[in-house]
Amino acid sequence: MSHEPTAAIESETLATSLRAYLASAGFAFAGLTAADATAVITQAVADWAKASGWRVQREASMRYIDLPRMQGMGCRTVWHPPRSAYLDLRLLREAGPSIAVEIDREDFGSAVDRLRDEALRGRPALWIRWHGALRAELPDGVARLHLPSRTTRTPIRYSMAPVTDSAAITCGNPVSPEAHEDACTRDDQRVAEEKRRDALPQPTIIRCR
């Protein structure tokens, strides 16, 4: 009996494909700021996607699975998790679910949370981590391609040697059918509750003066 590949297996396959593409292109850069380095990596990933026949969405809107709740933070009230978020890239394919991509210089931030939720929905999730040590554990269904770089000081500039086929790929465990089903149920509940809330008068946002 044949089985469809899980998102985790496909995430690893896609990470391997991207690594091979970057290696064949001799992808490298030198003397870039952090912002510029992230931009050229993002463009390289977009070029790989286009070469694969996929459409590329930048700053693609997504929603967290868990329902956001109003929380007080000092003098202001905010939604947590945010009511909306954005993926660095969403790669749209004619066959198969879209691919979620985050590109980061550090482990800090909410990129892992966004990828986790996309993987729980059954979508492949790729984390392109460049520079720095790897600290964060990988959520189920997420594959990480590590692209190390080096820096100079005063001013700080980043350089990356040509990517090779030995660039490290690490993967989280497969998403279990139970976790996927639970995530889909919670996602449906969030959508229904947000529609109900949106129909109500909006709460007052309190800010300090």
N, C-alpha and C. Protein backbone atom coordinates (compact mmCIF):
# COMPACT_ATOMS: atom_id res chain seq x y z
N MET A 1 0.86 -1.20 0.00
CA MET A 1 0.00 0.00 0.00
C MET A 1 0.89 1.24 0.00
N SER A 2 0.62 2.19 -0.89
CA SER A 2 1.41 3.42 -0.95
C SER A 2 0.86 4.44 0.03
N HIS A 3 1.74 5.32 0.47
CA HIS A 3 1.36 6.35 1.41
C HIS A 3 1.85 7.70 0.89
N GLU A 4 1.07 8.74 1.13
CA GLU A 4 1.49 10.08 0.78
C GLU A 4 2.63 10.50 1.71
N PRO A 5 3.66 11.19 1.22
CA PRO A 5 4.73 11.63 2.10
C PRO A 5 4.21 12.63 3.12
N THR A 6 4.71 12.55 4.35
CA THR A 6 4.30 13.51 5.37
C THR A 6 4.95 14.85 5.09
N ALA A 7 4.41 15.90 5.72
CA ALA A 7 4.97 17.24 5.53
C ALA A 7 6.41 17.28 5.99
N ALA A 8 6.73 16.53 7.08
CA ALA A 8 8.09 16.54 7.59
C ALA A 8 9.06 15.95 6.57
N ILE A 9 8.68 14.83 5.94
CA ILE A 9 9.54 14.22 4.93
C ILE A 9 9.68 15.16 3.73
N GLU A 10 8.59 15.79 3.32
CA GLU A 10 8.66 16.71 2.19
C GLU A 10 9.48 17.94 2.54
N SER A 11 9.38 18.41 3.77
CA SER A 11 10.19 19.56 4.20
C SER A 11 11.67 19.24 4.06
N GLU A 12 12.07 18.05 4.48
CA GLU A 12 13.47 17.65 4.36
C GLU A 12 13.89 17.54 2.91
N THR A 13 13.01 16.96 2.07
CA THR A 13 13.31 16.84 0.65
C THR A 13 13.49 18.21 0.00
N LEU A 14 12.63 19.15 0.37
CA LEU A 14 12.73 20.50 -0.18
C LEU A 14 13.98 21.21 0.29
N ALA A 15 14.34 21.02 1.56
CA ALA A 15 15.58 21.62 2.07
C ALA A 15 16.78 21.08 1.32
N THR A 16 16.76 19.79 1.02
CA THR A 16 17.85 19.18 0.27
C THR A 16 17.91 19.74 -1.15
N SER A 17 16.75 19.92 -1.76
CA SER A 17 16.69 20.49 -3.10
C SER A 17 17.22 21.92 -3.12
N LEU A 18 16.83 22.71 -2.13
CA LEU A 18 17.32 24.09 -2.06
C LEU A 18 18.82 24.12 -1.87
N ARG A 19 19.33 23.28 -0.99
CA ARG A 19 20.78 23.23 -0.75
C ARG A 19 21.52 22.88 -2.05
N ALA A 20 21.01 21.92 -2.80
CA ALA A 20 21.65 21.54 -4.06
C ALA A 20 21.62 22.70 -5.06
N TYR A 21 20.51 23.44 -5.08
CA TYR A 21 20.39 24.59 -5.99
C TYR A 21 21.42 25.66 -5.63
N LEU A 22 21.52 25.98 -4.35
CA LEU A 22 22.47 27.00 -3.92
C LEU A 22 23.91 26.57 -4.19
N ALA A 23 24.19 25.28 -3.97
CA ALA A 23 25.54 24.78 -4.21
C ALA A 23 25.88 24.83 -5.70
N SER A 24 24.94 24.45 -6.55
CA SER A 24 25.21 24.46 -7.99
C SER A 24 25.39 25.88 -8.52
N ALA A 25 24.73 26.84 -7.85
CA ALA A 25 24.85 28.24 -8.25
C ALA A 25 26.07 28.91 -7.63
N GLY A 26 26.76 28.20 -6.74
CA GLY A 26 27.91 28.79 -6.05
C GLY A 26 27.50 29.98 -5.20
N PHE A 27 26.33 29.89 -4.59
CA PHE A 27 25.81 31.04 -3.83
C PHE A 27 26.77 31.45 -2.72
N ALA A 28 27.08 32.74 -2.69
CA ALA A 28 27.99 33.30 -1.69
C ALA A 28 27.80 34.81 -1.69
N PHE A 29 28.31 35.47 -0.66
CA PHE A 29 28.31 36.94 -0.63
C PHE A 29 29.40 37.41 0.32
N ALA A 30 29.73 38.69 0.23
CA ALA A 30 30.79 39.24 1.08
C ALA A 30 30.51 40.70 1.37
N GLY A 31 30.82 41.12 2.61
CA GLY A 31 30.77 42.51 2.99
C GLY A 31 29.39 43.12 3.03
N LEU A 32 28.36 42.36 3.41
CA LEU A 32 26.99 42.86 3.42
C LEU A 32 26.52 43.15 4.85
N THR A 33 25.62 44.12 4.97
CA THR A 33 24.95 44.33 6.24
C THR A 33 24.01 43.16 6.49
N ALA A 34 23.50 43.06 7.73
CA ALA A 34 22.58 41.98 8.05
C ALA A 34 21.33 42.04 7.17
N ALA A 35 20.81 43.25 6.98
CA ALA A 35 19.61 43.41 6.16
C ALA A 35 19.87 43.01 4.71
N ASP A 36 21.01 43.43 4.17
CA ASP A 36 21.32 43.10 2.78
C ASP A 36 21.59 41.61 2.61
N ALA A 37 22.23 40.99 3.60
CA ALA A 37 22.50 39.55 3.52
C ALA A 37 21.18 38.78 3.53
N THR A 38 20.26 39.17 4.40
CA THR A 38 18.96 38.51 4.44
C THR A 38 18.24 38.68 3.10
N ALA A 39 18.37 39.86 2.52
CA ALA A 39 17.70 40.13 1.23
C ALA A 39 18.26 39.25 0.12
N VAL A 40 19.56 39.06 0.05
CA VAL A 40 20.12 38.25 -1.05
C VAL A 40 19.80 36.77 -0.84
N ILE A 41 19.74 36.32 0.42
CA ILE A 41 19.34 34.93 0.68
C ILE A 41 17.88 34.74 0.29
N THR A 42 17.05 35.70 0.65
CA THR A 42 15.64 35.64 0.29
C THR A 42 15.46 35.56 -1.21
N GLN A 43 16.22 36.37 -1.95
CA GLN A 43 16.13 36.36 -3.41
C GLN A 43 16.59 35.02 -3.98
N ALA A 44 17.63 34.45 -3.38
CA ALA A 44 18.12 33.15 -3.85
C ALA A 44 17.07 32.07 -3.66
N VAL A 45 16.36 32.10 -2.52
CA VAL A 45 15.29 31.13 -2.28
C VAL A 45 14.15 31.35 -3.28
N ALA A 46 13.83 32.61 -3.54
CA ALA A 46 12.79 32.92 -4.52
C ALA A 46 13.19 32.43 -5.91
N ASP A 47 14.45 32.58 -6.27
CA ASP A 47 14.93 32.11 -7.58
C ASP A 47 14.80 30.59 -7.68
N TRP A 48 15.12 29.89 -6.59
CA TRP A 48 14.96 28.42 -6.55
C TRP A 48 13.50 28.04 -6.77
N ALA A 49 12.61 28.76 -6.10
CA ALA A 49 11.18 28.47 -6.24
C ALA A 49 10.72 28.70 -7.68
N LYS A 50 11.13 29.82 -8.26
CA LYS A 50 10.72 30.11 -9.64
C LYS A 50 11.29 29.08 -10.62
N ALA A 51 12.53 28.64 -10.37
CA ALA A 51 13.12 27.61 -11.22
C ALA A 51 12.37 26.29 -11.10
N SER A 52 11.69 26.11 -9.97
CA SER A 52 10.89 24.89 -9.75
C SER A 52 9.48 25.03 -10.30
N GLY A 53 9.16 26.21 -10.84
CA GLY A 53 7.84 26.43 -11.43
C GLY A 53 6.78 26.88 -10.45
N TRP A 54 7.20 27.42 -9.30
CA TRP A 54 6.25 27.86 -8.28
C TRP A 54 6.14 29.37 -8.26
N ARG A 55 5.02 29.85 -7.76
CA ARG A 55 4.84 31.29 -7.56
C ARG A 55 5.32 31.67 -6.17
N VAL A 56 5.79 32.89 -6.04
CA VAL A 56 6.39 33.36 -4.79
C VAL A 56 5.58 34.51 -4.23
N GLN A 57 5.17 34.38 -2.99
CA GLN A 57 4.56 35.48 -2.25
C GLN A 57 5.52 35.93 -1.15
N ARG A 58 5.84 37.21 -1.14
CA ARG A 58 6.69 37.77 -0.08
C ARG A 58 5.80 38.40 0.99
N GLU A 59 6.28 38.32 2.23
CA GLU A 59 5.49 38.84 3.36
C GLU A 59 4.06 38.33 3.27
N ALA A 60 3.93 37.02 3.18
CA ALA A 60 2.62 36.38 2.98
C ALA A 60 1.87 36.30 4.30
N SER A 61 0.62 36.73 4.28
CA SER A 61 -0.20 36.73 5.49
C SER A 61 -0.49 35.31 5.95
N MET A 62 -0.47 35.10 7.28
CA MET A 62 -0.87 33.83 7.87
C MET A 62 -1.51 34.12 9.22
N ARG A 63 -2.21 33.11 9.75
CA ARG A 63 -2.82 33.24 11.07
C ARG A 63 -2.33 32.11 11.95
N TYR A 64 -2.10 32.42 13.21
CA TYR A 64 -1.75 31.38 14.17
C TYR A 64 -2.97 30.49 14.42
N ILE A 65 -2.69 29.25 14.80
CA ILE A 65 -3.78 28.32 15.06
C ILE A 65 -4.54 28.69 16.33
N ASP A 66 -3.80 29.02 17.38
CA ASP A 66 -4.46 29.34 18.65
C ASP A 66 -5.17 30.67 18.58
N LEU A 67 -6.31 30.74 19.22
CA LEU A 67 -7.11 31.95 19.23
C LEU A 67 -6.39 33.06 19.99
N PRO A 68 -6.24 34.25 19.40
CA PRO A 68 -5.60 35.35 20.13
C PRO A 68 -6.50 35.85 21.25
N ARG A 69 -5.89 36.28 22.32
CA ARG A 69 -6.63 36.81 23.46
C ARG A 69 -6.05 38.16 23.85
N MET A 70 -6.92 39.02 24.36
CA MET A 70 -6.48 40.33 24.80
C MET A 70 -5.67 40.19 26.09
N GLN A 71 -4.47 40.78 26.11
CA GLN A 71 -3.63 40.73 27.29
C GLN A 71 -3.15 42.14 27.62
N GLY A 72 -3.12 42.46 28.90
CA GLY A 72 -2.58 43.74 29.34
C GLY A 72 -1.07 43.67 29.42
N MET A 73 -0.43 44.66 28.83
CA MET A 73 1.04 44.76 28.89
C MET A 73 1.40 46.17 29.33
N GLY A 74 1.47 46.36 30.65
CA GLY A 74 1.77 47.69 31.17
C GLY A 74 0.64 48.64 30.88
N CYS A 75 0.93 49.66 30.11
CA CYS A 75 -0.05 50.70 29.81
C CYS A 75 -0.89 50.41 28.58
N ARG A 76 -0.70 49.27 27.97
CA ARG A 76 -1.47 49.01 26.75
C ARG A 76 -2.01 47.58 26.75
N THR A 77 -2.98 47.36 25.90
CA THR A 77 -3.60 46.05 25.75
C THR A 77 -3.38 45.57 24.32
N VAL A 78 -2.94 44.32 24.20
CA VAL A 78 -2.60 43.81 22.87
C VAL A 78 -3.20 42.42 22.69
N TRP A 79 -3.25 41.97 21.42
CA TRP A 79 -3.63 40.61 21.10
C TRP A 79 -2.40 39.71 21.21
N HIS A 80 -2.55 38.56 21.87
CA HIS A 80 -1.46 37.59 21.92
C HIS A 80 -2.02 36.18 21.77
N PRO A 81 -1.52 35.36 20.81
CA PRO A 81 -0.60 35.80 19.76
C PRO A 81 -1.27 36.84 18.86
N PRO A 82 -0.49 37.55 18.04
CA PRO A 82 -1.09 38.59 17.20
C PRO A 82 -2.21 38.03 16.33
N ARG A 83 -3.15 38.88 15.99
CA ARG A 83 -4.27 38.43 15.16
C ARG A 83 -3.83 38.14 13.73
N SER A 84 -2.70 38.71 13.33
CA SER A 84 -2.18 38.41 12.00
C SER A 84 -0.65 38.37 12.06
N ALA A 85 -0.07 37.62 11.16
CA ALA A 85 1.39 37.51 11.09
C ALA A 85 1.77 37.31 9.63
N TYR A 86 3.07 37.30 9.37
CA TYR A 86 3.54 37.21 7.99
C TYR A 86 4.71 36.25 7.88
N LEU A 87 4.67 35.42 6.84
CA LEU A 87 5.79 34.57 6.49
C LEU A 87 6.72 35.34 5.56
N ASP A 88 8.02 35.09 5.68
CA ASP A 88 8.95 35.74 4.75
C ASP A 88 8.59 35.38 3.31
N LEU A 89 8.33 34.10 3.08
CA LEU A 89 7.94 33.65 1.75
C LEU A 89 6.89 32.55 1.87
N ARG A 90 5.93 32.57 0.97
CA ARG A 90 5.04 31.43 0.77
C ARG A 90 5.18 31.04 -0.69
N LEU A 91 5.50 29.77 -0.92
CA LEU A 91 5.72 29.27 -2.27
C LEU A 91 4.49 28.48 -2.68
N LEU A 92 3.86 28.92 -3.76
CA LEU A 92 2.59 28.35 -4.20
C LEU A 92 2.82 27.40 -5.37
N ARG A 93 2.32 26.17 -5.20
CA ARG A 93 2.49 25.13 -6.21
C ARG A 93 1.14 24.72 -6.78
N GLU A 94 1.13 24.33 -8.04
CA GLU A 94 -0.12 23.85 -8.64
C GLU A 94 -0.53 22.53 -8.02
N ALA A 95 0.45 21.70 -7.69
CA ALA A 95 0.17 20.42 -7.05
C ALA A 95 0.81 20.42 -5.67
N GLY A 96 0.02 20.12 -4.66
CA GLY A 96 0.55 20.07 -3.31
C GLY A 96 0.31 21.36 -2.56
N PRO A 97 0.39 21.30 -1.23
CA PRO A 97 0.16 22.49 -0.41
C PRO A 97 1.29 23.50 -0.59
N SER A 98 1.02 24.72 -0.20
CA SER A 98 2.04 25.76 -0.27
C SER A 98 3.16 25.47 0.72
N ILE A 99 4.32 26.08 0.48
CA ILE A 99 5.50 25.88 1.32
C ILE A 99 5.76 27.15 2.11
N ALA A 100 5.88 27.02 3.42
CA ALA A 100 6.17 28.17 4.28
C ALA A 100 7.68 28.28 4.48
N VAL A 101 8.20 29.50 4.32
CA VAL A 101 9.65 29.72 4.45
C VAL A 101 9.91 30.92 5.36
N GLU A 102 10.81 30.73 6.32
CA GLU A 102 11.31 31.82 7.15
C GLU A 102 12.82 31.89 7.00
N ILE A 103 13.37 33.10 6.98
CA ILE A 103 14.81 33.32 6.79
C ILE A 103 15.29 34.22 7.93
N ASP A 104 16.20 33.68 8.76
CA ASP A 104 16.58 34.40 9.98
C ASP A 104 18.07 34.30 10.25
N ARG A 105 18.58 35.38 10.87
CA ARG A 105 19.98 35.40 11.32
C ARG A 105 20.12 34.87 12.74
N GLU A 106 19.04 34.88 13.51
CA GLU A 106 19.08 34.44 14.90
C GLU A 106 17.91 33.51 15.19
N ASP A 107 18.00 32.83 16.32
CA ASP A 107 16.91 31.94 16.74
C ASP A 107 15.78 32.68 17.42
N PHE A 108 16.03 33.92 17.84
CA PHE A 108 15.03 34.65 18.59
C PHE A 108 13.90 35.11 17.66
N GLY A 109 12.73 35.35 18.24
CA GLY A 109 11.60 35.81 17.45
C GLY A 109 10.54 34.72 17.31
N SER A 110 9.54 35.01 16.50
CA SER A 110 8.37 34.14 16.39
C SER A 110 8.35 33.32 15.11
N ALA A 111 9.47 33.30 14.36
CA ALA A 111 9.50 32.53 13.11
C ALA A 111 9.18 31.06 13.34
N VAL A 112 9.73 30.50 14.42
CA VAL A 112 9.51 29.09 14.71
C VAL A 112 8.03 28.82 14.97
N ASP A 113 7.36 29.74 15.65
CA ASP A 113 5.93 29.56 15.93
C ASP A 113 5.12 29.56 14.64
N ARG A 114 5.46 30.44 13.72
CA ARG A 114 4.74 30.49 12.45
C ARG A 114 4.95 29.20 11.65
N LEU A 115 6.19 28.73 11.60
CA LEU A 115 6.48 27.50 10.87
C LEU A 115 5.81 26.30 11.54
N ARG A 116 5.81 26.28 12.87
CA ARG A 116 5.16 25.19 13.59
C ARG A 116 3.69 25.07 13.20
N ASP A 117 2.99 26.21 13.18
CA ASP A 117 1.57 26.18 12.87
C ASP A 117 1.32 25.78 11.42
N GLU A 118 2.17 26.23 10.51
CA GLU A 118 2.00 25.83 9.11
C GLU A 118 2.23 24.32 8.96
N ALA A 119 3.24 23.80 9.67
CA ALA A 119 3.50 22.35 9.60
C ALA A 119 2.35 21.56 10.20
N LEU A 120 1.78 22.05 11.30
CA LEU A 120 0.64 21.36 11.91
C LEU A 120 -0.55 21.32 10.96
N ARG A 121 -0.66 22.31 10.09
CA ARG A 121 -1.73 22.32 9.10
C ARG A 121 -1.46 21.36 7.94
N GLY A 122 -0.28 20.77 7.91
CA GLY A 122 0.05 19.83 6.85
C GLY A 122 0.83 20.43 5.71
N ARG A 123 1.41 21.61 5.93
CA ARG A 123 2.19 22.26 4.88
C ARG A 123 3.69 22.14 5.17
N PRO A 124 4.51 21.89 4.14
CA PRO A 124 5.95 21.85 4.35
C PRO A 124 6.43 23.20 4.90
N ALA A 125 7.43 23.13 5.79
CA ALA A 125 7.92 24.35 6.44
C ALA A 125 9.44 24.34 6.44
N LEU A 126 10.04 25.37 5.87
CA LEU A 126 11.50 25.49 5.76
C LEU A 126 11.99 26.69 6.56
N TRP A 127 13.02 26.45 7.36
CA TRP A 127 13.65 27.53 8.13
C TRP A 127 15.08 27.68 7.63
N ILE A 128 15.37 28.79 7.00
CA ILE A 128 16.72 29.08 6.52
C ILE A 128 17.42 29.91 7.60
N ARG A 129 18.33 29.28 8.33
CA ARG A 129 19.04 29.95 9.42
C ARG A 129 20.47 30.22 8.99
N TRP A 130 20.83 31.48 8.94
CA TRP A 130 22.19 31.81 8.57
C TRP A 130 22.87 32.51 9.74
N HIS A 131 24.15 32.32 9.85
CA HIS A 131 24.99 32.89 10.89
C HIS A 131 24.62 32.35 12.27
N GLY A 132 25.54 32.48 13.20
CA GLY A 132 25.26 32.21 14.60
C GLY A 132 25.06 30.74 14.95
N ALA A 133 25.08 30.50 16.27
CA ALA A 133 24.85 29.16 16.79
C ALA A 133 23.37 28.82 16.74
N LEU A 134 23.08 27.54 16.64
CA LEU A 134 21.70 27.07 16.59
C LEU A 134 21.28 26.64 17.99
N ARG A 135 20.26 27.30 18.52
CA ARG A 135 19.83 26.99 19.88
C ARG A 135 18.42 26.42 19.95
N ALA A 136 17.53 26.93 19.13
CA ALA A 136 16.13 26.55 19.23
C ALA A 136 15.91 25.12 18.77
N GLU A 137 15.08 24.38 19.50
CA GLU A 137 14.67 23.06 19.05
C GLU A 137 13.66 23.21 17.91
N LEU A 138 13.66 22.24 17.03
CA LEU A 138 12.78 22.34 15.87
C LEU A 138 11.42 21.73 16.19
N PRO A 139 10.35 22.44 15.82
CA PRO A 139 9.02 21.86 15.97
C PRO A 139 8.83 20.70 14.99
N ASP A 140 7.85 19.88 15.27
CA ASP A 140 7.52 18.78 14.37
C ASP A 140 7.16 19.33 12.99
N GLY A 141 7.66 18.67 11.97
CA GLY A 141 7.31 19.02 10.60
C GLY A 141 8.17 20.09 9.96
N VAL A 142 9.12 20.67 10.72
CA VAL A 142 9.94 21.77 10.21
C VAL A 142 11.35 21.28 9.87
N ALA A 143 11.87 21.70 8.72
CA ALA A 143 13.24 21.40 8.33
C ALA A 143 14.06 22.69 8.34
N ARG A 144 15.28 22.59 8.85
CA ARG A 144 16.16 23.77 8.94
C ARG A 144 17.42 23.55 8.10
N LEU A 145 17.70 24.52 7.23
CA LEU A 145 18.95 24.55 6.47
C LEU A 145 19.83 25.61 7.08
N HIS A 146 21.02 25.21 7.57
CA HIS A 146 21.92 26.16 8.23
C HIS A 146 22.98 26.63 7.25
N LEU A 147 23.08 27.95 7.08
CA LEU A 147 24.07 28.57 6.20
C LEU A 147 24.99 29.44 7.05
N PRO A 148 26.12 28.92 7.51
CA PRO A 148 27.00 29.70 8.39
C PRO A 148 27.68 30.84 7.64
N SER A 149 27.99 31.89 8.37
CA SER A 149 28.69 33.03 7.78
C SER A 149 29.72 33.53 8.79
N ARG A 150 30.52 34.51 8.36
CA ARG A 150 31.50 35.12 9.26
C ARG A 150 31.29 36.62 9.23
N THR A 151 31.85 37.30 10.23
CA THR A 151 31.64 38.75 10.34
C THR A 151 32.95 39.49 10.49
N THR A 152 32.90 40.75 10.16
CA THR A 152 33.97 41.69 10.49
C THR A 152 33.39 42.70 11.49
N ARG A 153 34.25 43.42 12.18
CA ARG A 153 33.78 44.38 13.17
C ARG A 153 34.08 45.81 12.71
N THR A 154 33.24 46.72 13.16
CA THR A 154 33.43 48.17 12.99
C THR A 154 33.73 48.56 11.54
N PRO A 155 32.76 48.60 10.68
CA PRO A 155 31.37 48.22 10.94
C PRO A 155 31.17 46.72 10.76
N ILE A 156 30.08 46.19 11.33
CA ILE A 156 29.80 44.77 11.20
C ILE A 156 29.33 44.48 9.78
N ARG A 157 30.01 43.55 9.16
CA ARG A 157 29.63 43.10 7.82
C ARG A 157 29.69 41.57 7.79
N TYR A 158 28.83 40.98 6.95
CA TYR A 158 28.71 39.53 6.91
C TYR A 158 29.17 39.00 5.57
N SER A 159 29.83 37.84 5.61
CA SER A 159 30.27 37.16 4.40
C SER A 159 29.94 35.69 4.51
N MET A 160 29.64 35.08 3.38
CA MET A 160 29.32 33.65 3.35
C MET A 160 30.10 32.99 2.24
N ALA A 161 30.82 31.93 2.58
CA ALA A 161 31.54 31.15 1.58
C ALA A 161 30.53 30.42 0.70
N PRO A 162 30.94 30.01 -0.49
CA PRO A 162 30.00 29.28 -1.36
C PRO A 162 29.35 28.10 -0.64
N VAL A 163 28.04 27.99 -0.80
CA VAL A 163 27.30 26.90 -0.17
C VAL A 163 27.72 25.58 -0.81
N THR A 164 27.85 24.55 0.02
CA THR A 164 28.21 23.22 -0.48
C THR A 164 27.11 22.22 -0.13
N ASP A 165 27.25 21.03 -0.69
CA ASP A 165 26.27 19.97 -0.42
C ASP A 165 26.37 19.44 1.01
N SER A 166 27.35 19.93 1.78
CA SER A 166 27.48 19.49 3.17
C SER A 166 26.81 20.45 4.15
N ALA A 167 26.19 21.51 3.66
CA ALA A 167 25.48 22.42 4.56
C ALA A 167 24.46 21.64 5.37
N ALA A 168 24.42 21.91 6.67
CA ALA A 168 23.65 21.06 7.59
C ALA A 168 22.15 21.24 7.42
N ILE A 169 21.44 20.13 7.37
CA ILE A 169 19.98 20.11 7.37
C ILE A 169 19.52 19.32 8.59
N THR A 170 18.65 19.92 9.38
CA THR A 170 18.10 19.28 10.57
C THR A 170 16.59 19.31 10.47
N CYS A 171 15.95 18.25 10.93
CA CYS A 171 14.49 18.16 10.80
C CYS A 171 13.84 17.81 12.13
N GLY A 172 12.66 18.37 12.36
CA GLY A 172 11.86 17.96 13.49
C GLY A 172 11.20 16.63 13.21
N ASN A 173 10.54 16.08 14.20
CA ASN A 173 9.82 14.83 14.01
C ASN A 173 8.63 15.03 13.09
N PRO A 174 8.13 13.96 12.50
CA PRO A 174 6.91 14.09 11.70
C PRO A 174 5.73 14.54 12.57
N VAL A 175 4.83 15.29 11.96
CA VAL A 175 3.60 15.67 12.65
C VAL A 175 2.69 14.45 12.70
N SER A 176 2.24 14.08 13.89
CA SER A 176 1.39 12.90 14.01
C SER A 176 0.00 13.19 13.46
N PRO A 177 -0.71 12.17 12.99
CA PRO A 177 -2.09 12.38 12.52
C PRO A 177 -2.96 13.02 13.59
N GLU A 178 -2.73 12.64 14.85
CA GLU A 178 -3.52 13.20 15.95
C GLU A 178 -3.26 14.68 16.12
N ALA A 179 -1.97 15.08 16.03
CA ALA A 179 -1.63 16.49 16.17
C ALA A 179 -2.20 17.31 15.02
N HIS A 180 -2.15 16.75 13.81
CA HIS A 180 -2.71 17.44 12.64
C HIS A 180 -4.22 17.62 12.78
N GLU A 181 -4.90 16.56 13.21
CA GLU A 181 -6.35 16.64 13.38
C GLU A 181 -6.72 17.64 14.46
N ASP A 182 -5.97 17.62 15.57
CA ASP A 182 -6.24 18.57 16.65
C ASP A 182 -6.01 20.00 16.19
N ALA A 183 -4.92 20.22 15.41
CA ALA A 183 -4.62 21.57 14.92
C ALA A 183 -5.72 22.07 14.00
N CYS A 184 -6.22 21.19 13.12
CA CYS A 184 -7.29 21.59 12.20
C CYS A 184 -8.56 21.92 12.97
N THR A 185 -8.85 21.16 14.02
CA THR A 185 -10.03 21.45 14.83
C THR A 185 -9.89 22.79 15.52
N ARG A 186 -8.73 23.05 16.12
CA ARG A 186 -8.51 24.33 16.80
C ARG A 186 -8.51 25.49 15.82
N ASP A 187 -8.01 25.23 14.61
CA ASP A 187 -8.00 26.27 13.58
C ASP A 187 -9.43 26.65 13.20
N ASP A 188 -10.28 25.64 13.02
CA ASP A 188 -11.69 25.90 12.70
C ASP A 188 -12.37 26.66 13.84
N GLN A 189 -12.06 26.29 15.07
CA GLN A 189 -12.65 26.97 16.23
C GLN A 189 -12.20 28.42 16.29
N ARG A 190 -10.91 28.66 15.96
CA ARG A 190 -10.41 30.04 15.96
C ARG A 190 -11.13 30.89 14.92
N VAL A 191 -11.29 30.33 13.71
CA VAL A 191 -11.96 31.07 12.65
C VAL A 191 -13.39 31.43 13.07
N ALA A 192 -14.10 30.46 13.63
CA ALA A 192 -15.48 30.71 14.05
C ALA A 192 -15.54 31.74 15.17
N GLU A 193 -14.63 31.66 16.12
CA GLU A 193 -14.64 32.60 17.24
C GLU A 193 -14.24 34.00 16.78
N GLU A 194 -13.30 34.10 15.85
CA GLU A 194 -12.91 35.42 15.36
C GLU A 194 -14.05 36.07 14.58
N LYS A 195 -14.81 35.28 13.83
CA LYS A 195 -15.96 35.83 13.13
C LYS A 195 -16.99 36.35 14.14
N ARG A 196 -17.18 35.57 15.22
CA ARG A 196 -18.13 36.01 16.25
C ARG A 196 -17.65 37.29 16.92
N ARG A 197 -16.35 37.37 17.21
CA ARG A 197 -15.81 38.56 17.87
C ARG A 197 -15.86 39.77 16.96
N ASP A 198 -15.58 39.55 15.68
CA ASP A 198 -15.58 40.68 14.74
C ASP A 198 -16.97 41.29 14.59
N ALA A 199 -17.98 40.50 14.88
CA ALA A 199 -19.35 41.01 14.79
C ALA A 199 -19.75 41.82 16.02
N LEU A 200 -18.93 41.78 17.07
CA LEU A 200 -19.21 42.51 18.30
C LEU A 200 -18.53 43.87 18.27
N PRO A 201 -18.97 44.82 19.11
CA PRO A 201 -18.24 46.09 19.24
C PRO A 201 -16.80 45.83 19.67
N GLN A 202 -15.88 46.52 19.04
CA GLN A 202 -14.47 46.29 19.31
C GLN A 202 -14.07 46.87 20.67
N PRO A 203 -13.18 46.15 21.42
CA PRO A 203 -12.75 46.66 22.72
C PRO A 203 -11.91 47.93 22.56
N THR A 204 -11.93 48.73 23.58
CA THR A 204 -11.14 49.96 23.59
C THR A 204 -9.68 49.64 23.86
N ILE A 205 -8.79 50.15 23.03
CA ILE A 205 -7.36 49.98 23.22
C ILE A 205 -6.84 51.14 24.08
N ILE A 206 -6.28 50.82 25.21
CA ILE A 206 -5.83 51.84 26.16
C ILE A 206 -4.33 52.04 25.99
N ARG A 207 -3.93 53.28 25.81
CA ARG A 207 -2.51 53.60 25.66
C ARG A 207 -2.11 54.69 26.65
N CYS A 208 -0.87 54.66 27.04
CA CYS A 208 -0.36 55.71 27.95
C CYS A 208 -0.15 57.00 27.17
N ARG A 209 -0.31 58.08 27.85
CA ARG A 209 -0.01 59.39 27.23
C ARG A 209 1.29 59.94 27.80
